[in-house]
Amino acid sequence: MASGLLTGTLHMTRAHLAHIGDPDSNMTFGTSGRSDSTVQTGGARNYANGSTRMIAGTAINRVVGLTAVGVTQDERDQIIAMMGKTCVFRDTYGRKLFVVFLQVDVSDIPLTSPSLANVTLQSLTVVTYDEEV
């Protein structure tokens, strides 16, 4: 074996997105990576006596970034139809989240036939959802 050759296994990141209550809507696609942001609600408040206090809320907002790579036109239409609806998101990192998203950005991949695109779901916001029946 020649020295300098890289060996190992390449693990593609896969994600699944489906509308709650509609298992036929399950989509599987490759993603460009993983991003996760968690924000505590609250802020600094100024008072008349000149003091400033931190007031923290109880809610913690979690936002997951997702760019679906190599998406067909039918899959784009399906993703757009899911906007504003509670969906279940799963990936190869073991995350299972209930999310909602309100914006989709599409960038075409040039010279692909049929036409493919990268689709960014802006801010998959994690929502509270109870799976119990």
N, C-alpha and C. Protein backbone atom coordinates (compact mmCIF):
# COMPACT_ATOMS: atom_id res chain seq x y z
N MET A 1 0.84 -1.18 0.00
CA MET A 1 0.00 0.00 0.00
C MET A 1 0.89 1.24 0.00
N ALA A 2 0.58 2.17 -0.86
CA ALA A 2 1.37 3.39 -0.96
C ALA A 2 1.17 4.26 0.26
N SER A 3 2.26 4.87 0.70
CA SER A 3 2.13 5.74 1.87
C SER A 3 1.40 7.02 1.47
N GLY A 4 0.75 7.63 2.43
CA GLY A 4 0.03 8.87 2.17
C GLY A 4 -1.41 8.68 1.74
N LEU A 5 -1.83 7.42 1.51
CA LEU A 5 -3.22 7.18 1.13
C LEU A 5 -4.12 7.29 2.36
N LEU A 6 -5.24 7.92 2.19
CA LEU A 6 -6.20 8.02 3.29
C LEU A 6 -7.10 6.79 3.26
N THR A 7 -7.34 6.20 4.40
CA THR A 7 -8.25 5.07 4.49
C THR A 7 -9.29 5.37 5.54
N GLY A 8 -10.41 4.68 5.50
CA GLY A 8 -11.46 4.87 6.48
C GLY A 8 -12.81 4.82 5.82
N THR A 9 -13.82 5.19 6.56
CA THR A 9 -15.19 5.16 6.07
C THR A 9 -15.74 6.56 6.02
N LEU A 10 -16.35 6.89 4.91
CA LEU A 10 -17.00 8.19 4.76
C LEU A 10 -18.46 8.03 5.16
N HIS A 11 -18.90 8.75 6.17
CA HIS A 11 -20.29 8.67 6.63
C HIS A 11 -21.04 9.88 6.11
N MET A 12 -22.00 9.65 5.27
CA MET A 12 -22.83 10.74 4.77
C MET A 12 -23.87 11.07 5.83
N THR A 13 -24.09 12.34 6.04
CA THR A 13 -25.13 12.76 6.97
C THR A 13 -26.46 12.69 6.24
N ARG A 14 -27.41 11.99 6.83
CA ARG A 14 -28.75 11.86 6.26
C ARG A 14 -29.74 12.45 7.25
N ALA A 15 -30.80 13.02 6.74
CA ALA A 15 -31.85 13.56 7.59
C ALA A 15 -33.19 13.08 7.06
N HIS A 16 -34.14 12.97 7.96
CA HIS A 16 -35.51 12.58 7.62
C HIS A 16 -36.42 13.69 8.12
N LEU A 17 -37.39 14.05 7.30
CA LEU A 17 -38.37 15.06 7.67
C LEU A 17 -39.73 14.57 7.23
N ALA A 18 -40.70 14.59 8.14
CA ALA A 18 -42.05 14.12 7.80
C ALA A 18 -43.07 14.98 8.53
N HIS A 19 -44.22 15.17 7.89
CA HIS A 19 -45.32 15.88 8.52
C HIS A 19 -45.94 14.95 9.56
N ILE A 20 -46.23 15.47 10.75
CA ILE A 20 -46.82 14.67 11.82
C ILE A 20 -48.15 14.09 11.36
N GLY A 21 -48.35 12.82 11.59
CA GLY A 21 -49.61 12.17 11.25
C GLY A 21 -49.70 11.73 9.79
N ASP A 22 -48.65 11.96 9.01
CA ASP A 22 -48.67 11.55 7.60
C ASP A 22 -47.36 10.83 7.28
N PRO A 23 -47.26 9.52 7.60
CA PRO A 23 -46.01 8.79 7.37
C PRO A 23 -45.61 8.74 5.90
N ASP A 24 -46.55 8.90 4.97
CA ASP A 24 -46.22 8.90 3.55
C ASP A 24 -45.42 10.14 3.14
N SER A 25 -45.41 11.16 3.99
CA SER A 25 -44.68 12.38 3.65
C SER A 25 -43.20 12.30 4.02
N ASN A 26 -42.74 11.16 4.58
CA ASN A 26 -41.35 11.03 5.01
C ASN A 26 -40.40 11.26 3.84
N MET A 27 -39.43 12.16 4.05
CA MET A 27 -38.42 12.45 3.05
C MET A 27 -37.06 12.16 3.66
N THR A 28 -36.17 11.55 2.89
CA THR A 28 -34.81 11.30 3.31
C THR A 28 -33.88 11.98 2.32
N PHE A 29 -32.92 12.75 2.84
CA PHE A 29 -32.00 13.44 1.95
C PHE A 29 -30.67 13.67 2.65
N GLY A 30 -29.63 13.88 1.83
CA GLY A 30 -28.33 14.22 2.37
C GLY A 30 -28.32 15.66 2.83
N THR A 31 -27.50 15.96 3.83
CA THR A 31 -27.42 17.33 4.33
C THR A 31 -25.98 17.81 4.27
N SER A 32 -25.82 19.12 4.38
CA SER A 32 -24.49 19.71 4.27
C SER A 32 -23.79 19.78 5.62
N GLY A 33 -24.39 19.29 6.67
CA GLY A 33 -23.74 19.34 7.97
C GLY A 33 -24.74 19.54 9.09
N ARG A 34 -24.22 19.90 10.24
CA ARG A 34 -25.05 19.98 11.43
C ARG A 34 -24.82 21.33 12.10
N SER A 35 -25.89 22.01 12.42
CA SER A 35 -25.78 23.22 13.23
C SER A 35 -26.96 23.25 14.19
N ASP A 36 -26.69 23.73 15.37
CA ASP A 36 -27.69 23.71 16.43
C ASP A 36 -27.47 24.94 17.29
N SER A 37 -28.51 25.68 17.59
CA SER A 37 -28.40 26.90 18.39
C SER A 37 -29.45 26.88 19.49
N THR A 38 -29.03 27.16 20.71
CA THR A 38 -29.94 27.19 21.84
C THR A 38 -29.88 28.58 22.49
N VAL A 39 -31.05 29.20 22.71
CA VAL A 39 -31.11 30.56 23.24
C VAL A 39 -32.05 30.61 24.43
N GLN A 40 -31.60 31.20 25.52
CA GLN A 40 -32.43 31.43 26.71
C GLN A 40 -33.21 32.71 26.50
N THR A 41 -34.50 32.71 26.78
CA THR A 41 -35.28 33.94 26.66
C THR A 41 -34.99 34.85 27.84
N GLY A 42 -35.16 36.13 27.63
CA GLY A 42 -34.93 37.10 28.71
C GLY A 42 -34.06 38.24 28.22
N GLY A 43 -33.63 39.05 29.16
CA GLY A 43 -32.77 40.17 28.80
C GLY A 43 -32.50 41.06 30.00
N ALA A 44 -31.62 42.02 29.80
CA ALA A 44 -31.28 42.97 30.86
C ALA A 44 -32.34 44.06 30.91
N ARG A 45 -32.74 44.42 32.12
CA ARG A 45 -33.74 45.49 32.31
C ARG A 45 -33.11 46.61 33.13
N ASN A 46 -33.34 47.84 32.68
CA ASN A 46 -32.86 49.01 33.41
C ASN A 46 -33.97 49.54 34.29
N TYR A 47 -33.61 49.97 35.49
CA TYR A 47 -34.58 50.50 36.45
C TYR A 47 -34.29 51.97 36.74
N ALA A 48 -35.31 52.66 37.28
CA ALA A 48 -35.22 54.10 37.52
C ALA A 48 -34.09 54.47 38.48
N ASN A 49 -33.72 53.59 39.39
CA ASN A 49 -32.65 53.91 40.35
C ASN A 49 -31.25 53.73 39.74
N GLY A 50 -31.19 53.39 38.43
CA GLY A 50 -29.90 53.26 37.77
C GLY A 50 -29.34 51.85 37.76
N SER A 51 -30.01 50.92 38.40
CA SER A 51 -29.51 49.54 38.41
C SER A 51 -30.02 48.77 37.18
N THR A 52 -29.29 47.76 36.84
CA THR A 52 -29.66 46.88 35.73
C THR A 52 -29.71 45.46 36.27
N ARG A 53 -30.77 44.76 35.95
CA ARG A 53 -30.95 43.38 36.41
C ARG A 53 -31.21 42.47 35.22
N MET A 54 -30.75 41.25 35.35
CA MET A 54 -31.03 40.24 34.33
C MET A 54 -32.33 39.55 34.68
N ILE A 55 -33.26 39.53 33.74
CA ILE A 55 -34.54 38.84 33.91
C ILE A 55 -34.55 37.71 32.89
N ALA A 56 -34.54 36.46 33.39
CA ALA A 56 -34.50 35.30 32.50
C ALA A 56 -35.88 34.66 32.43
N GLY A 57 -36.27 34.27 31.24
CA GLY A 57 -37.53 33.56 31.06
C GLY A 57 -37.35 32.08 31.29
N THR A 58 -38.44 31.35 31.33
CA THR A 58 -38.34 29.91 31.54
C THR A 58 -38.16 29.15 30.23
N ALA A 59 -38.57 29.74 29.12
CA ALA A 59 -38.49 29.05 27.83
C ALA A 59 -37.07 29.10 27.28
N ILE A 60 -36.66 28.00 26.65
CA ILE A 60 -35.39 27.94 25.96
C ILE A 60 -35.69 27.60 24.50
N ASN A 61 -35.28 28.48 23.60
CA ASN A 61 -35.53 28.29 22.17
C ASN A 61 -34.36 27.53 21.55
N ARG A 62 -34.68 26.47 20.82
CA ARG A 62 -33.66 25.70 20.13
C ARG A 62 -33.96 25.74 18.64
N VAL A 63 -32.93 26.07 17.86
CA VAL A 63 -33.07 26.18 16.41
C VAL A 63 -32.02 25.28 15.76
N VAL A 64 -32.45 24.49 14.79
CA VAL A 64 -31.55 23.59 14.07
C VAL A 64 -31.45 24.06 12.63
N GLY A 65 -30.24 24.13 12.11
CA GLY A 65 -30.03 24.51 10.72
C GLY A 65 -30.02 23.27 9.84
N LEU A 66 -30.62 23.36 8.66
CA LEU A 66 -30.66 22.21 7.76
C LEU A 66 -30.62 22.68 6.32
N THR A 67 -29.66 22.15 5.58
CA THR A 67 -29.63 22.33 4.13
C THR A 67 -29.70 20.97 3.49
N ALA A 68 -30.77 20.71 2.76
CA ALA A 68 -30.94 19.45 2.05
C ALA A 68 -30.20 19.56 0.72
N VAL A 69 -29.36 18.57 0.42
CA VAL A 69 -28.50 18.61 -0.75
C VAL A 69 -29.06 17.69 -1.84
N GLY A 70 -29.09 18.17 -3.08
CA GLY A 70 -29.50 17.35 -4.22
C GLY A 70 -30.96 17.00 -4.22
N VAL A 71 -31.81 17.99 -4.01
CA VAL A 71 -33.25 17.79 -3.90
C VAL A 71 -33.91 17.96 -5.27
N THR A 72 -34.84 17.07 -5.59
CA THR A 72 -35.56 17.16 -6.86
C THR A 72 -36.70 18.18 -6.76
N GLN A 73 -37.32 18.50 -7.89
CA GLN A 73 -38.43 19.44 -7.90
C GLN A 73 -39.61 18.92 -7.07
N ASP A 74 -39.92 17.63 -7.18
CA ASP A 74 -41.02 17.06 -6.39
C ASP A 74 -40.74 17.16 -4.89
N GLU A 75 -39.49 16.90 -4.49
CA GLU A 75 -39.12 17.01 -3.08
C GLU A 75 -39.18 18.46 -2.61
N ARG A 76 -38.78 19.42 -3.48
CA ARG A 76 -38.90 20.84 -3.13
C ARG A 76 -40.35 21.21 -2.86
N ASP A 77 -41.24 20.75 -3.74
CA ASP A 77 -42.67 21.03 -3.56
C ASP A 77 -43.19 20.44 -2.26
N GLN A 78 -42.72 19.24 -1.92
CA GLN A 78 -43.15 18.58 -0.69
C GLN A 78 -42.64 19.34 0.54
N ILE A 79 -41.39 19.81 0.49
CA ILE A 79 -40.83 20.59 1.60
C ILE A 79 -41.62 21.89 1.78
N ILE A 80 -41.90 22.57 0.68
CA ILE A 80 -42.65 23.84 0.75
C ILE A 80 -44.05 23.60 1.32
N ALA A 81 -44.67 22.46 0.99
CA ALA A 81 -46.00 22.13 1.52
C ALA A 81 -45.96 21.90 3.03
N MET A 82 -44.78 21.57 3.59
CA MET A 82 -44.66 21.33 5.03
C MET A 82 -44.44 22.61 5.84
N MET A 83 -44.19 23.73 5.17
CA MET A 83 -43.94 24.99 5.89
C MET A 83 -45.11 25.33 6.81
N GLY A 84 -44.80 25.72 8.03
CA GLY A 84 -45.82 26.14 8.99
C GLY A 84 -46.53 24.99 9.68
N LYS A 85 -46.17 23.74 9.36
CA LYS A 85 -46.80 22.58 10.00
C LYS A 85 -45.79 21.91 10.92
N THR A 86 -46.29 21.29 11.99
CA THR A 86 -45.40 20.57 12.89
C THR A 86 -44.90 19.31 12.20
N CYS A 87 -43.57 19.16 12.18
CA CYS A 87 -42.93 18.03 11.51
C CYS A 87 -42.01 17.32 12.49
N VAL A 88 -41.69 16.08 12.18
CA VAL A 88 -40.69 15.35 12.97
C VAL A 88 -39.41 15.32 12.14
N PHE A 89 -38.29 15.65 12.79
CA PHE A 89 -36.98 15.69 12.16
C PHE A 89 -36.08 14.67 12.84
N ARG A 90 -35.44 13.81 12.06
CA ARG A 90 -34.49 12.83 12.59
C ARG A 90 -33.24 12.86 11.73
N ASP A 91 -32.08 12.60 12.37
CA ASP A 91 -30.85 12.53 11.59
C ASP A 91 -29.96 11.41 12.10
N THR A 92 -28.82 11.23 11.42
CA THR A 92 -27.91 10.14 11.76
C THR A 92 -27.15 10.40 13.06
N TYR A 93 -27.27 11.60 13.62
CA TYR A 93 -26.64 11.89 14.91
C TYR A 93 -27.53 11.44 16.08
N GLY A 94 -28.69 10.89 15.76
CA GLY A 94 -29.59 10.40 16.80
C GLY A 94 -30.59 11.43 17.30
N ARG A 95 -30.65 12.59 16.67
CA ARG A 95 -31.62 13.60 17.11
C ARG A 95 -33.00 13.26 16.55
N LYS A 96 -34.00 13.39 17.38
CA LYS A 96 -35.40 13.31 16.96
C LYS A 96 -36.08 14.51 17.58
N LEU A 97 -36.49 15.44 16.73
CA LEU A 97 -37.04 16.70 17.20
C LEU A 97 -38.35 16.98 16.49
N PHE A 98 -39.24 17.66 17.19
CA PHE A 98 -40.47 18.14 16.57
C PHE A 98 -40.23 19.61 16.25
N VAL A 99 -40.41 19.96 14.99
CA VAL A 99 -39.99 21.27 14.51
C VAL A 99 -41.06 21.92 13.64
N VAL A 100 -40.90 23.22 13.46
CA VAL A 100 -41.70 23.98 12.50
C VAL A 100 -40.75 24.95 11.82
N PHE A 101 -40.97 25.22 10.52
CA PHE A 101 -40.14 26.19 9.81
C PHE A 101 -41.05 27.05 8.95
N LEU A 102 -40.62 28.30 8.72
CA LEU A 102 -41.46 29.28 8.02
C LEU A 102 -40.79 29.86 6.78
N GLN A 103 -39.56 29.43 6.47
CA GLN A 103 -38.87 29.97 5.31
C GLN A 103 -38.03 28.88 4.66
N VAL A 104 -38.04 28.84 3.33
CA VAL A 104 -37.25 27.89 2.55
C VAL A 104 -36.50 28.67 1.48
N ASP A 105 -35.17 28.47 1.40
CA ASP A 105 -34.36 29.08 0.36
C ASP A 105 -33.86 27.98 -0.57
N VAL A 106 -33.98 28.20 -1.89
CA VAL A 106 -33.58 27.21 -2.88
C VAL A 106 -32.45 27.78 -3.73
N SER A 107 -31.38 26.99 -3.89
CA SER A 107 -30.30 27.38 -4.82
C SER A 107 -30.07 26.20 -5.77
N ASP A 108 -30.22 26.47 -7.05
CA ASP A 108 -30.07 25.43 -8.06
C ASP A 108 -28.64 24.92 -8.13
N ILE A 109 -28.50 23.64 -8.46
CA ILE A 109 -27.19 23.05 -8.72
C ILE A 109 -27.04 23.06 -10.24
N PRO A 110 -26.13 23.86 -10.78
CA PRO A 110 -26.01 24.00 -12.24
C PRO A 110 -25.65 22.68 -12.92
N LEU A 111 -26.14 22.53 -14.13
CA LEU A 111 -25.79 21.43 -15.01
C LEU A 111 -26.19 20.06 -14.49
N THR A 112 -27.28 20.00 -13.74
CA THR A 112 -27.80 18.70 -13.30
C THR A 112 -29.07 18.39 -14.07
N SER A 113 -29.21 17.13 -14.43
CA SER A 113 -30.41 16.71 -15.15
C SER A 113 -30.89 15.39 -14.57
N PRO A 114 -32.09 15.31 -14.03
CA PRO A 114 -33.05 16.40 -13.90
C PRO A 114 -32.52 17.47 -12.93
N SER A 115 -33.11 18.63 -13.00
CA SER A 115 -32.66 19.77 -12.22
C SER A 115 -32.71 19.49 -10.72
N LEU A 116 -31.55 19.60 -10.06
CA LEU A 116 -31.46 19.40 -8.61
C LEU A 116 -31.14 20.73 -7.95
N ALA A 117 -31.41 20.81 -6.65
CA ALA A 117 -31.14 22.04 -5.92
C ALA A 117 -30.74 21.72 -4.49
N ASN A 118 -30.12 22.69 -3.85
CA ASN A 118 -29.88 22.64 -2.41
C ASN A 118 -30.98 23.49 -1.77
N VAL A 119 -31.65 22.94 -0.78
CA VAL A 119 -32.76 23.62 -0.15
C VAL A 119 -32.42 23.86 1.32
N THR A 120 -32.40 25.13 1.73
CA THR A 120 -32.12 25.48 3.12
C THR A 120 -33.42 25.79 3.82
N LEU A 121 -33.70 25.04 4.87
CA LEU A 121 -34.87 25.31 5.71
C LEU A 121 -34.39 26.26 6.79
N GLN A 122 -34.78 27.53 6.65
CA GLN A 122 -34.30 28.54 7.58
C GLN A 122 -34.93 28.32 8.95
N SER A 123 -34.11 28.10 9.93
CA SER A 123 -34.55 28.03 11.32
C SER A 123 -35.62 26.98 11.57
N LEU A 124 -35.21 25.73 11.66
CA LEU A 124 -36.11 24.69 12.14
C LEU A 124 -36.26 24.93 13.64
N THR A 125 -37.35 25.52 14.06
CA THR A 125 -37.56 25.85 15.46
C THR A 125 -38.18 24.65 16.17
N VAL A 126 -37.53 24.20 17.23
CA VAL A 126 -38.01 23.05 17.98
C VAL A 126 -39.22 23.47 18.79
N VAL A 127 -40.30 22.69 18.68
CA VAL A 127 -41.55 22.99 19.39
C VAL A 127 -41.88 21.86 20.37
N THR A 128 -42.73 22.18 21.31
CA THR A 128 -43.19 21.19 22.27
C THR A 128 -44.27 20.36 21.63
N TYR A 129 -44.11 19.05 21.68
CA TYR A 129 -45.09 18.15 21.10
C TYR A 129 -45.13 16.89 21.93
N ASP A 130 -46.31 16.42 22.27
CA ASP A 130 -46.48 15.22 23.10
C ASP A 130 -46.92 14.07 22.22
N GLU A 131 -46.10 13.00 22.15
CA GLU A 131 -46.41 11.85 21.31
C GLU A 131 -47.41 10.88 21.94
N GLU A 132 -47.71 11.05 23.21
CA GLU A 132 -48.62 10.12 23.90
C GLU A 132 -50.00 10.17 23.29
N VAL A 133 -50.67 9.01 23.30
CA VAL A 133 -52.03 8.93 22.77
C VAL A 133 -53.04 9.03 23.87
